[in-house]
Amino acid sequence: MLLKSCCIYSTGVFSVLFLISGIVLVLSNVFPHFLHSLVEKQIVLKNDTDAFEAWENPPAPIYMQFYFFHLGNPLEVLDGERPAVLEIGPYTYREYRPMEQVDFQENGTKVTAVNTKTYIFQRNMSRGPESDLIRTVNIPAMTVMEQFKDNTIAVKLINDYMKGADVGLFITRTVAELLWGYEDELLKTLKKFKPSLDDVFGLFYKSNATNDGEYVFFTGQQNYKDFARVDTWRGTSNLSWWTTDECNMINGTNGASFHPVITKNESLYMFSSDLCRSLYAEYEGDVTVKGIPGYRFSPPSKVFANMTLNPANAGFCVPAGKCMGSGVLNVSTCKQGAPIIMSSPHFYQADEKFVKDVFGMKPKKEQHETLIDINPLTGFVLQAAKRLQVNVYLEKIPTFSKTGNVRTVVLPVVYLNESVLIDDASAMKLQKIIVEQTVVVNIPFMFIGLGILLGGIFMFLMCRQKIPESPQGEQVEPLLSS
């Protein structure tokens, strides 16, 4: 009888202990902190780690899609009418982007590398062959006219040549030529007077099977938040194209990797050599990719907002004080003087005037937003889509008759969608990590559950203990007799 009572009361004691332990563990976040600490130490750019292998040679297939804007009314545009364009695409390329010339420095706290990118055309994933013809603005001619418009002698020579060679404001070229380069007759002629001038033009000329310069990255060994963060690019930690120190800063990673243990309230910084600047993305919502939970981040509209809406962007106005409006970025200073304007596809998040100036623009968040889906524990990219549009600043230049009466407009030429989706092998590895995370994080709740279960058993056993019955056959005399 004594042993039975001891067992019952021991069950009650253990029930209380498990309940208290579980509640204390939940409130103190011991297990999540332990898990985060473990991940922070493991995800470092170091030989023979999964993080390094994924950074050095991304296992997931990356695709680059190009959508061109075919100009349908070139003669009317020269007469001052609104341009009408037709989106043609995609023209899809498989992108390979391994890190090469990898060299660890400063006791493994930094690593240098070049990111060589190679593009292989995928005909089965494309609208047509690379030989498809596209009519668009003659960017070399527009660049030359813009650069020499105030030089009287050069203006006459260029005007005479363009008339004699029948070089106009618009051209028709193949997809391959527009992307990877073609010999331009106007540039070829100017090269005779300026030998250093390159007579080949292409929107992504010298971008295939090449790299954009040497990077120095932090490995994350000293601070997990520095994982894959860019320290220097092309030997410098700052840019020189913009007019303020803040805008010239190189911040964040190269956009392919991010530090582990990401929270919803932080901003993810990235440096894009395509945009010639750093930018950031903010939390937008929860997602699930191949069964793996993630956070979706995307650049907010204020990243490309006019200085009136975002004073921090004043430095991106070039020349100083000359701002174009929200949603567009003049990158001519880092594109050899070419009047290139960058934006989101179809001027998504840009001022309405840019959309209305060109017939055929239909901005849609789902199709034209840049997004990154990240597993918050590991920082691994589950899915991403970088979407950028290349435009040309088109205007009438009085000294050049070839510009006719064209209205001033930001004319879209092409937009790209560089996308990636985590491969199945990597997804399986992450799913195992997620299961382990779930088990570890839920240990305190297991304690609470066990405490509740033992408490229930204790209550049941206590209720089973009944008051002893009177001996059989014994009668109880009434207290009062009649």
Protein backbone atom coordinates (compact mmCIF):
# COMPACT_ATOMS: atom_id res chain seq x y z
CA MET A 1 0.00 0.00 0.00
CA LEU A 2 2.83 2.38 0.85
CA LEU A 3 4.65 1.53 -2.39
CA LYS A 4 1.51 2.24 -4.36
CA SER A 5 1.10 5.66 -2.77
CA CYS A 6 4.76 6.50 -3.43
CA CYS A 7 4.34 5.68 -7.13
CA ILE A 8 1.21 7.81 -7.37
CA TYR A 9 2.77 10.83 -5.70
CA SER A 10 6.02 10.40 -7.69
CA THR A 11 3.94 10.63 -10.86
CA GLY A 12 2.51 13.93 -9.61
CA VAL A 13 5.94 15.29 -8.73
CA PHE A 14 7.39 14.38 -12.14
CA SER A 15 4.32 15.91 -13.81
CA VAL A 16 5.01 19.25 -12.11
CA LEU A 17 8.76 19.05 -12.85
CA PHE A 18 8.22 18.38 -16.56
CA LEU A 19 5.65 21.17 -16.80
CA ILE A 20 7.91 23.70 -15.08
CA SER A 21 10.98 22.60 -17.09
CA GLY A 22 9.07 22.84 -20.36
CA ILE A 23 7.68 26.30 -19.59
CA VAL A 24 11.11 27.56 -18.50
CA LEU A 25 12.71 26.20 -21.68
CA VAL A 26 10.04 27.79 -23.86
CA LEU A 27 10.41 31.19 -22.19
CA SER A 28 14.22 31.10 -22.25
CA ASN A 29 14.45 29.91 -25.90
CA VAL A 30 17.39 27.69 -24.96
CA PHE A 31 16.96 25.17 -27.76
CA PRO A 32 16.36 27.70 -30.60
CA HIS A 33 19.41 29.66 -29.42
CA PHE A 34 21.45 26.47 -29.32
CA LEU A 35 20.31 25.52 -32.84
CA HIS A 36 21.06 28.99 -34.22
CA SER A 37 24.50 28.99 -32.62
CA LEU A 38 25.24 25.61 -34.18
CA VAL A 39 24.16 26.72 -37.65
CA GLU A 40 26.05 30.02 -37.40
CA LYS A 41 29.28 28.13 -36.75
CA GLN A 42 28.71 25.53 -39.46
CA ILE A 43 27.70 27.81 -42.36
CA VAL A 44 31.07 29.31 -43.21
CA LEU A 45 32.98 29.61 -46.49
CA LYS A 46 35.46 26.85 -45.76
CA ASN A 47 36.72 23.90 -47.77
CA ASP A 48 34.74 20.65 -47.54
CA THR A 49 31.52 22.26 -46.27
CA ASP A 50 28.13 22.22 -48.00
CA ALA A 51 27.94 26.01 -47.77
CA PHE A 52 31.26 26.45 -49.57
CA GLU A 53 30.42 23.92 -52.29
CA ALA A 54 27.07 25.61 -52.99
CA TRP A 55 28.77 29.02 -53.08
CA GLU A 56 31.64 27.87 -55.29
CA ASN A 57 29.55 25.98 -57.83
CA PRO A 58 25.77 26.45 -57.43
CA PRO A 59 24.07 23.06 -57.91
CA ALA A 60 20.68 24.45 -58.91
CA PRO A 61 20.18 25.25 -62.61
CA ILE A 62 20.13 28.98 -63.35
CA TYR A 63 18.32 30.36 -66.39
CA MET A 64 18.56 33.76 -68.02
CA GLN A 65 15.55 34.80 -70.08
CA PHE A 66 15.54 37.82 -72.39
CA TYR A 67 12.35 39.57 -73.53
CA PHE A 68 12.84 42.13 -76.31
CA PHE A 69 10.63 45.09 -77.15
CA HIS A 70 10.14 45.23 -80.92
CA LEU A 71 9.40 48.77 -82.10
CA GLY A 72 6.35 48.75 -84.35
CA ASN A 73 6.14 52.39 -85.49
CA PRO A 74 9.64 53.82 -86.13
CA LEU A 75 8.51 56.43 -88.71
CA GLU A 76 5.76 57.72 -86.45
CA VAL A 77 8.22 57.96 -83.53
CA LEU A 78 10.50 60.14 -85.67
CA ASP A 79 7.49 62.39 -86.25
CA GLY A 80 6.96 62.79 -82.52
CA GLU A 81 4.37 60.14 -81.79
CA ARG A 82 4.35 57.76 -78.84
CA PRO A 83 6.45 54.60 -79.38
CA ALA A 84 4.50 51.34 -79.66
CA VAL A 85 6.38 48.20 -78.71
CA LEU A 86 5.61 44.48 -78.74
CA GLU A 87 7.22 42.16 -76.18
CA ILE A 88 8.94 39.22 -77.89
CA GLY A 89 10.43 36.35 -75.91
CA PRO A 90 11.65 34.61 -73.98
CA TYR A 91 15.05 33.76 -75.43
CA THR A 92 16.42 31.46 -72.75
CA TYR A 93 20.01 30.65 -71.81
CA ARG A 94 21.33 28.20 -69.24
CA GLU A 95 23.70 30.12 -67.00
CA TYR A 96 26.80 28.61 -65.43
CA ARG A 97 28.46 30.78 -62.79
CA PRO A 98 31.22 29.01 -60.83
CA MET A 99 33.57 30.90 -58.56
CA GLU A 100 37.09 30.63 -59.97
CA GLN A 101 40.61 31.59 -58.82
CA VAL A 102 39.44 31.00 -55.24
CA ASP A 103 42.07 31.98 -52.69
CA PHE A 104 41.60 32.12 -48.91
CA GLN A 105 43.29 35.00 -47.10
CA GLU A 106 43.82 36.40 -43.59
CA ASN A 107 43.56 33.06 -41.78
CA GLY A 108 40.41 32.07 -43.62
CA THR A 109 38.42 35.17 -42.72
CA LYS A 110 38.34 36.37 -46.36
CA VAL A 111 38.35 34.72 -49.77
CA THR A 112 39.05 36.17 -53.21
CA ALA A 113 37.38 34.90 -56.37
CA VAL A 114 36.08 35.85 -59.81
CA ASN A 115 32.55 34.88 -60.83
CA THR A 116 32.80 33.65 -64.41
CA LYS A 117 29.43 33.45 -66.18
CA THR A 118 28.74 31.41 -69.30
CA TYR A 119 25.45 31.38 -71.22
CA ILE A 120 24.29 28.46 -73.39
CA PHE A 121 21.24 29.02 -75.61
CA GLN A 122 18.25 26.74 -74.90
CA ARG A 123 16.22 26.56 -78.10
CA ASN A 124 13.53 24.31 -76.58
CA MET A 125 12.85 26.92 -73.88
CA SER A 126 12.83 29.89 -76.24
CA ARG A 127 10.26 31.56 -78.46
CA GLY A 128 12.48 31.24 -81.49
CA PRO A 129 16.11 30.97 -82.64
CA GLU A 130 18.81 33.53 -81.91
CA SER A 131 18.47 34.63 -85.54
CA ASP A 132 15.08 36.25 -84.88
CA LEU A 133 15.08 39.91 -85.93
CA ILE A 134 14.31 42.74 -83.53
CA ARG A 135 13.79 46.40 -84.42
CA THR A 136 14.96 48.78 -81.72
CA VAL A 137 16.84 52.01 -81.12
CA ASN A 138 20.34 52.33 -82.57
CA ILE A 139 22.20 52.59 -79.26
CA PRO A 140 25.70 53.19 -80.74
CA ALA A 141 24.36 56.02 -82.90
CA MET A 142 22.39 57.53 -80.02
CA THR A 143 25.48 57.33 -77.79
CA VAL A 144 27.75 58.98 -80.36
CA MET A 145 25.27 61.78 -81.06
CA GLU A 146 24.79 62.42 -77.35
CA GLN A 147 28.53 62.59 -76.69
CA PHE A 148 29.42 64.84 -79.64
CA LYS A 149 26.33 67.07 -79.83
CA ASP A 150 28.27 70.13 -78.67
CA ASN A 151 31.29 69.59 -80.94
CA THR A 152 30.59 71.52 -84.16
CA ILE A 153 33.22 69.78 -86.28
CA ALA A 154 32.32 66.30 -85.03
CA VAL A 155 28.61 67.01 -85.56
CA LYS A 156 29.16 67.82 -89.24
CA LEU A 157 31.35 64.77 -89.87
CA ILE A 158 28.95 62.41 -88.08
CA ASN A 159 25.91 63.92 -89.81
CA ASP A 160 27.54 63.52 -93.23
CA TYR A 161 28.55 59.95 -92.52
CA MET A 162 25.12 58.93 -91.20
CA LYS A 163 23.41 60.40 -94.26
CA GLY A 164 25.86 58.82 -96.70
CA ALA A 165 25.83 55.38 -95.02
CA ASP A 166 22.07 55.56 -94.35
CA VAL A 167 22.54 55.09 -90.60
CA GLY A 168 19.29 55.85 -88.82
CA LEU A 169 18.00 56.22 -85.28
CA PHE A 170 16.56 52.71 -85.40
CA ILE A 171 18.06 49.39 -86.50
CA THR A 172 17.01 45.80 -87.06
CA ARG A 173 19.36 43.15 -85.72
CA THR A 174 19.22 39.53 -84.61
CA VAL A 175 18.78 38.52 -80.99
CA ALA A 176 22.34 37.17 -80.88
CA GLU A 177 23.78 40.40 -82.30
CA LEU A 178 21.89 42.64 -79.89
CA LEU A 179 22.91 40.53 -76.90
CA TRP A 180 26.47 39.44 -77.59
CA GLY A 181 27.71 41.99 -80.09
CA TYR A 182 28.03 43.02 -83.73
CA GLU A 183 30.45 45.22 -85.64
CA ASP A 184 28.92 48.68 -85.94
CA GLU A 185 29.85 50.69 -89.02
CA LEU A 186 29.61 54.07 -87.30
CA LEU A 187 31.87 52.95 -84.45
CA LYS A 188 34.21 51.34 -86.97
CA THR A 189 34.58 54.66 -88.79
CA LEU A 190 35.13 56.61 -85.57
CA LYS A 191 37.76 54.06 -84.53
CA LYS A 192 40.00 55.41 -87.30
CA PHE A 193 40.17 58.70 -85.40
CA LYS A 194 40.13 57.16 -81.95
CA PRO A 195 41.94 53.77 -82.00
CA SER A 196 41.01 53.00 -78.38
CA LEU A 197 37.32 52.92 -79.33
CA ASP A 198 35.70 49.47 -79.52
CA ASP A 199 33.82 49.05 -82.80
CA VAL A 200 31.70 46.14 -81.53
CA PHE A 201 28.47 46.79 -79.65
CA GLY A 202 26.17 44.44 -77.75
CA LEU A 203 23.97 44.87 -74.70
CA PHE A 204 25.93 42.08 -72.99
CA TYR A 205 29.07 42.28 -75.10
CA LYS A 206 32.04 40.69 -73.30
CA SER A 207 29.69 39.25 -70.68
CA ASN A 208 29.67 35.64 -71.92
CA ALA A 209 32.39 33.31 -70.60
CA THR A 210 33.89 36.25 -68.71
CA ASN A 211 33.72 37.76 -65.23
CA ASP A 212 33.00 41.25 -63.91
CA GLY A 213 36.20 41.53 -61.87
CA GLU A 214 37.76 40.17 -58.70
CA TYR A 215 35.75 40.07 -55.50
CA VAL A 216 36.95 39.73 -51.94
CA PHE A 217 34.32 38.12 -49.70
CA PHE A 218 34.12 37.65 -45.95
CA THR A 219 33.84 33.97 -45.07
CA GLY A 220 31.67 34.44 -41.99
CA GLN A 221 34.27 32.88 -39.72
CA GLN A 222 34.39 35.88 -37.37
CA ASN A 223 30.74 36.94 -37.65
CA TYR A 224 27.98 34.84 -39.18
CA LYS A 225 26.30 37.98 -40.56
CA ASP A 226 29.35 38.57 -42.73
CA PHE A 227 28.90 35.27 -44.57
CA ALA A 228 29.61 35.88 -48.30
CA ARG A 229 29.50 39.66 -47.81
CA VAL A 230 31.52 41.63 -50.36
CA ASP A 231 34.54 43.39 -48.88
CA THR A 232 36.00 44.78 -52.12
CA TRP A 233 35.25 44.63 -55.84
CA ARG A 234 37.94 45.32 -58.42
CA GLY A 235 40.27 46.26 -55.60
CA THR A 236 38.09 48.92 -53.98
CA SER A 237 35.46 49.01 -51.24
CA ASN A 238 33.63 51.96 -52.80
CA LEU A 239 32.27 52.94 -56.21
CA SER A 240 33.04 56.20 -57.99
CA TRP A 241 30.06 56.71 -60.29
CA TRP A 242 27.66 58.42 -57.92
CA THR A 243 27.71 61.80 -56.19
CA THR A 244 27.48 60.81 -52.49
CA ASP A 245 29.53 58.46 -50.34
CA GLU A 246 26.40 56.62 -49.23
CA CYS A 247 25.37 55.78 -52.79
CA ASN A 248 28.94 54.71 -53.64
CA MET A 249 29.06 52.14 -50.84
CA ILE A 250 29.40 48.44 -51.68
CA ASN A 251 26.98 46.69 -49.32
CA GLY A 252 25.92 43.10 -48.85
CA THR A 253 26.58 39.92 -50.81
CA ASN A 254 26.53 39.44 -54.58
CA GLY A 255 22.92 38.28 -54.31
CA ALA A 256 23.64 34.55 -54.67
CA SER A 257 24.24 33.77 -50.97
CA PHE A 258 23.04 35.10 -47.64
CA HIS A 259 23.96 34.65 -43.99
CA PRO A 260 22.10 32.09 -41.82
CA VAL A 261 19.49 32.86 -39.15
CA ILE A 262 17.57 35.52 -41.05
CA THR A 263 14.80 37.46 -39.33
CA LYS A 264 11.72 39.07 -40.84
CA ASN A 265 12.61 42.57 -39.67
CA GLU A 266 16.05 42.82 -41.27
CA SER A 267 17.02 44.14 -44.70
CA LEU A 268 19.09 41.97 -47.03
CA TYR A 269 21.75 44.02 -48.82
CA MET A 270 23.15 43.11 -52.23
CA PHE A 271 25.65 44.59 -54.63
CA SER A 272 24.78 44.36 -58.33
CA SER A 273 27.46 45.16 -60.88
CA ASP A 274 24.71 45.13 -63.55
CA LEU A 275 23.03 48.05 -61.79
CA CYS A 276 26.34 49.61 -60.75
CA ARG A 277 25.06 50.02 -57.20
CA SER A 278 24.03 48.33 -53.96
CA LEU A 279 20.39 47.78 -53.03
CA TYR A 280 18.37 45.95 -50.42
CA ALA A 281 15.31 43.73 -50.09
CA GLU A 282 12.75 43.56 -47.29
CA TYR A 283 10.50 40.80 -45.96
CA GLU A 284 7.29 40.41 -47.94
CA GLY A 285 5.71 37.16 -46.69
CA ASP A 286 6.11 33.48 -45.84
CA VAL A 287 6.46 30.92 -48.64
CA THR A 288 6.99 27.19 -49.04
CA VAL A 289 9.23 25.87 -51.81
CA LYS A 290 9.42 22.10 -52.36
CA GLY A 291 8.14 21.57 -48.85
CA ILE A 292 10.75 23.88 -47.31
CA PRO A 293 9.58 26.97 -45.37
CA GLY A 294 11.03 30.29 -46.42
CA TYR A 295 10.78 34.05 -46.26
CA ARG A 296 10.17 36.08 -49.41
CA PHE A 297 12.22 39.25 -49.74
CA SER A 298 11.92 41.86 -52.48
CA PRO A 299 13.23 45.40 -53.06
CA PRO A 300 10.65 47.97 -51.86
CA SER A 301 9.69 50.83 -54.16
CA LYS A 302 11.75 53.31 -52.12
CA VAL A 303 14.96 51.61 -53.32
CA PHE A 304 14.51 53.24 -56.74
CA ALA A 305 12.39 56.17 -55.58
CA ASN A 306 13.07 59.76 -56.56
CA MET A 307 15.07 61.85 -54.08
CA THR A 308 11.84 63.69 -53.21
CA LEU A 309 10.39 60.44 -51.83
CA ASN A 310 13.71 59.04 -50.61
CA PRO A 311 16.36 61.73 -49.95
CA ALA A 312 19.04 59.02 -49.54
CA ASN A 313 18.82 58.46 -53.33
CA ALA A 314 19.99 61.98 -54.16
CA GLY A 315 23.44 60.62 -54.97
CA PHE A 316 22.03 58.49 -57.81
CA CYS A 317 20.99 61.61 -59.71
CA VAL A 318 23.63 62.20 -62.40
CA PRO A 319 24.70 64.81 -63.16
CA ALA A 320 24.22 66.00 -59.58
CA GLY A 321 20.72 67.33 -59.06
CA LYS A 322 19.35 65.96 -62.34
CA CYS A 323 16.82 63.32 -61.28
CA MET A 324 14.64 61.46 -63.75
CA GLY A 325 11.81 60.25 -61.53
CA SER A 326 11.01 57.24 -59.40
CA GLY A 327 11.62 53.71 -60.65
CA VAL A 328 14.44 54.41 -63.12
CA LEU A 329 18.20 54.68 -62.76
CA ASN A 330 20.54 56.51 -65.12
CA VAL A 331 23.63 54.27 -65.38
CA SER A 332 25.31 56.08 -68.28
CA THR A 333 28.26 56.99 -66.06
CA CYS A 334 29.16 53.32 -65.66
CA LYS A 335 28.24 52.25 -69.22
CA GLN A 336 30.87 54.19 -71.16
CA GLY A 337 28.55 57.15 -71.62
CA ALA A 338 25.79 55.20 -73.37
CA PRO A 339 22.37 56.69 -72.49
CA ILE A 340 21.28 53.53 -70.66
CA ILE A 341 18.48 53.72 -68.12
CA MET A 342 17.72 50.73 -65.87
CA SER A 343 14.34 49.91 -64.37
CA SER A 344 12.10 47.01 -63.42
CA PRO A 345 10.35 45.29 -66.37
CA HIS A 346 7.50 47.30 -67.87
CA PHE A 347 8.45 50.11 -65.44
CA TYR A 348 6.97 48.21 -62.49
CA GLN A 349 7.05 50.47 -59.37
CA ALA A 350 8.08 53.44 -61.55
CA ASP A 351 6.30 56.74 -62.09
CA GLU A 352 3.16 56.38 -64.18
CA LYS A 353 4.55 58.73 -66.84
CA PHE A 354 7.13 56.14 -67.94
CA VAL A 355 4.36 53.56 -68.42
CA LYS A 356 2.13 55.98 -70.35
CA ASP A 357 4.95 57.27 -72.58
CA VAL A 358 5.29 53.88 -74.31
CA PHE A 359 2.35 51.94 -75.72
CA GLY A 360 2.60 48.28 -74.72
CA MET A 361 3.73 48.63 -71.11
CA LYS A 362 1.74 46.41 -68.72
CA PRO A 363 3.48 46.25 -65.33
CA LYS A 364 2.46 43.27 -63.16
CA LYS A 365 3.84 42.43 -59.74
CA GLU A 366 3.77 38.65 -60.33
CA GLN A 367 5.75 38.84 -63.57
CA HIS A 368 8.01 41.84 -63.08
CA GLU A 369 8.99 41.89 -59.42
CA THR A 370 12.47 40.91 -58.26
CA LEU A 371 12.17 38.35 -55.47
CA ILE A 372 14.26 36.05 -53.29
CA ASP A 373 12.84 33.16 -51.28
CA ILE A 374 15.22 32.16 -48.47
CA ASN A 375 15.21 29.47 -45.82
CA PRO A 376 15.60 31.64 -42.68
CA LEU A 377 17.60 29.09 -40.65
CA THR A 378 20.34 28.31 -43.19
CA GLY A 379 20.14 31.38 -45.43
CA PHE A 380 20.03 29.09 -48.48
CA VAL A 381 18.21 30.51 -51.51
CA LEU A 382 15.17 28.37 -52.34
CA GLN A 383 14.01 30.38 -55.32
CA ALA A 384 14.93 33.71 -56.86
CA ALA A 385 14.16 35.89 -59.84
CA LYS A 386 16.21 38.98 -60.68
CA ARG A 387 14.26 41.08 -63.17
CA LEU A 388 15.78 44.14 -64.81
CA GLN A 389 14.95 46.19 -67.86
CA VAL A 390 17.41 47.98 -70.14
CA ASN A 391 16.09 51.22 -71.59
CA VAL A 392 17.55 54.02 -73.70
CA TYR A 393 17.06 57.71 -73.07
CA LEU A 394 15.68 58.92 -76.39
CA GLU A 395 15.53 62.63 -77.20
CA LYS A 396 15.67 65.04 -80.08
CA ILE A 397 19.14 66.46 -80.62
CA PRO A 398 18.75 69.60 -82.80
CA THR A 399 22.26 69.31 -84.24
CA PHE A 400 21.52 65.82 -85.64
CA SER A 401 18.79 65.58 -88.25
CA LYS A 402 18.53 61.80 -87.82
CA THR A 403 16.72 62.32 -84.50
CA GLY A 404 13.85 63.98 -86.39
CA ASN A 405 11.13 65.25 -84.08
CA VAL A 406 11.34 62.36 -81.67
CA ARG A 407 9.82 63.07 -78.27
CA THR A 408 11.89 62.68 -75.10
CA VAL A 409 11.13 59.22 -73.78
CA VAL A 410 12.71 56.33 -71.87
CA LEU A 411 12.41 53.61 -74.52
CA PRO A 412 12.52 49.96 -73.37
CA VAL A 413 14.87 47.67 -75.30
CA VAL A 414 14.95 44.36 -73.41
CA TYR A 415 14.27 42.96 -69.97
CA LEU A 416 15.89 39.97 -68.34
CA ASN A 417 14.70 37.40 -65.84
CA GLU A 418 17.56 35.58 -64.13
CA SER A 419 15.92 32.79 -62.15
CA VAL A 420 16.87 29.81 -60.02
CA LEU A 421 14.95 27.07 -58.21
CA ILE A 422 16.59 24.81 -55.62
CA ASP A 423 17.47 21.38 -57.03
CA ASP A 424 15.94 18.19 -55.61
CA ALA A 425 19.18 16.92 -54.00
CA SER A 426 19.72 20.17 -52.12
CA ALA A 427 16.03 20.28 -51.19
CA MET A 428 16.28 16.82 -49.61
CA LYS A 429 19.29 17.91 -47.53
CA LEU A 430 17.41 20.99 -46.36
CA GLN A 431 14.30 18.97 -45.53
CA LYS A 432 16.37 16.78 -43.19
CA ILE A 433 17.72 19.92 -41.51
CA ILE A 434 14.17 21.25 -41.14
CA VAL A 435 13.04 17.98 -39.51
CA GLU A 436 15.97 18.14 -37.08
CA GLN A 437 15.14 21.80 -36.39
CA THR A 438 11.51 20.92 -35.70
CA VAL A 439 12.49 18.17 -33.25
CA VAL A 440 14.98 20.35 -31.37
CA VAL A 441 12.70 23.39 -31.18
CA ASN A 442 9.79 21.26 -29.95
CA ILE A 443 11.67 19.52 -27.13
CA PRO A 444 10.30 22.02 -24.52
CA PHE A 445 6.77 21.36 -25.77
CA MET A 446 7.43 17.63 -25.49
CA PHE A 447 8.33 18.25 -21.85
CA ILE A 448 5.08 20.18 -21.36
CA GLY A 449 3.10 17.45 -23.12
CA LEU A 450 4.73 14.76 -21.00
CA GLY A 451 3.99 16.82 -17.88
CA ILE A 452 0.33 17.11 -18.86
CA LEU A 453 0.17 13.37 -19.59
CA LEU A 454 1.70 12.46 -16.23
CA GLY A 455 -0.61 14.98 -14.56
CA GLY A 456 -3.58 13.25 -16.13
CA ILE A 457 -2.34 9.86 -14.96
CA PHE A 458 -1.81 11.26 -11.46
CA MET A 459 -5.35 12.62 -11.33
CA PHE A 460 -6.75 9.33 -12.58
CA LEU A 461 -4.86 7.31 -9.98
CA MET A 462 -5.95 9.66 -7.21
CA CYS A 463 -9.58 9.26 -8.21
CA ARG A 464 -9.20 5.46 -8.14
CA GLN A 465 -8.36 5.59 -4.43
CA LYS A 466 -11.77 5.02 -2.77
CA ILE A 467 -12.85 5.21 0.91
CA PRO A 468 -12.84 1.66 2.41
CA GLU A 469 -16.35 0.00 2.59
CA SER A 470 -18.02 -1.23 5.88
CA PRO A 471 -17.54 -4.92 6.79
CA GLN A 472 -20.07 -7.16 5.01
CA GLY A 473 -23.24 -7.90 6.99
CA GLU A 474 -22.55 -5.29 9.71
CA GLN A 475 -25.48 -3.03 10.34
CA VAL A 476 -25.31 0.47 11.55
CA GLU A 477 -27.66 1.36 14.35
CA PRO A 478 -29.78 4.37 13.77
CA LEU A 479 -28.83 7.41 15.78
CA LEU A 480 -32.43 8.11 16.68
CA SER A 481 -35.06 5.53 17.49
CA SER A 482 -38.67 6.02 16.79
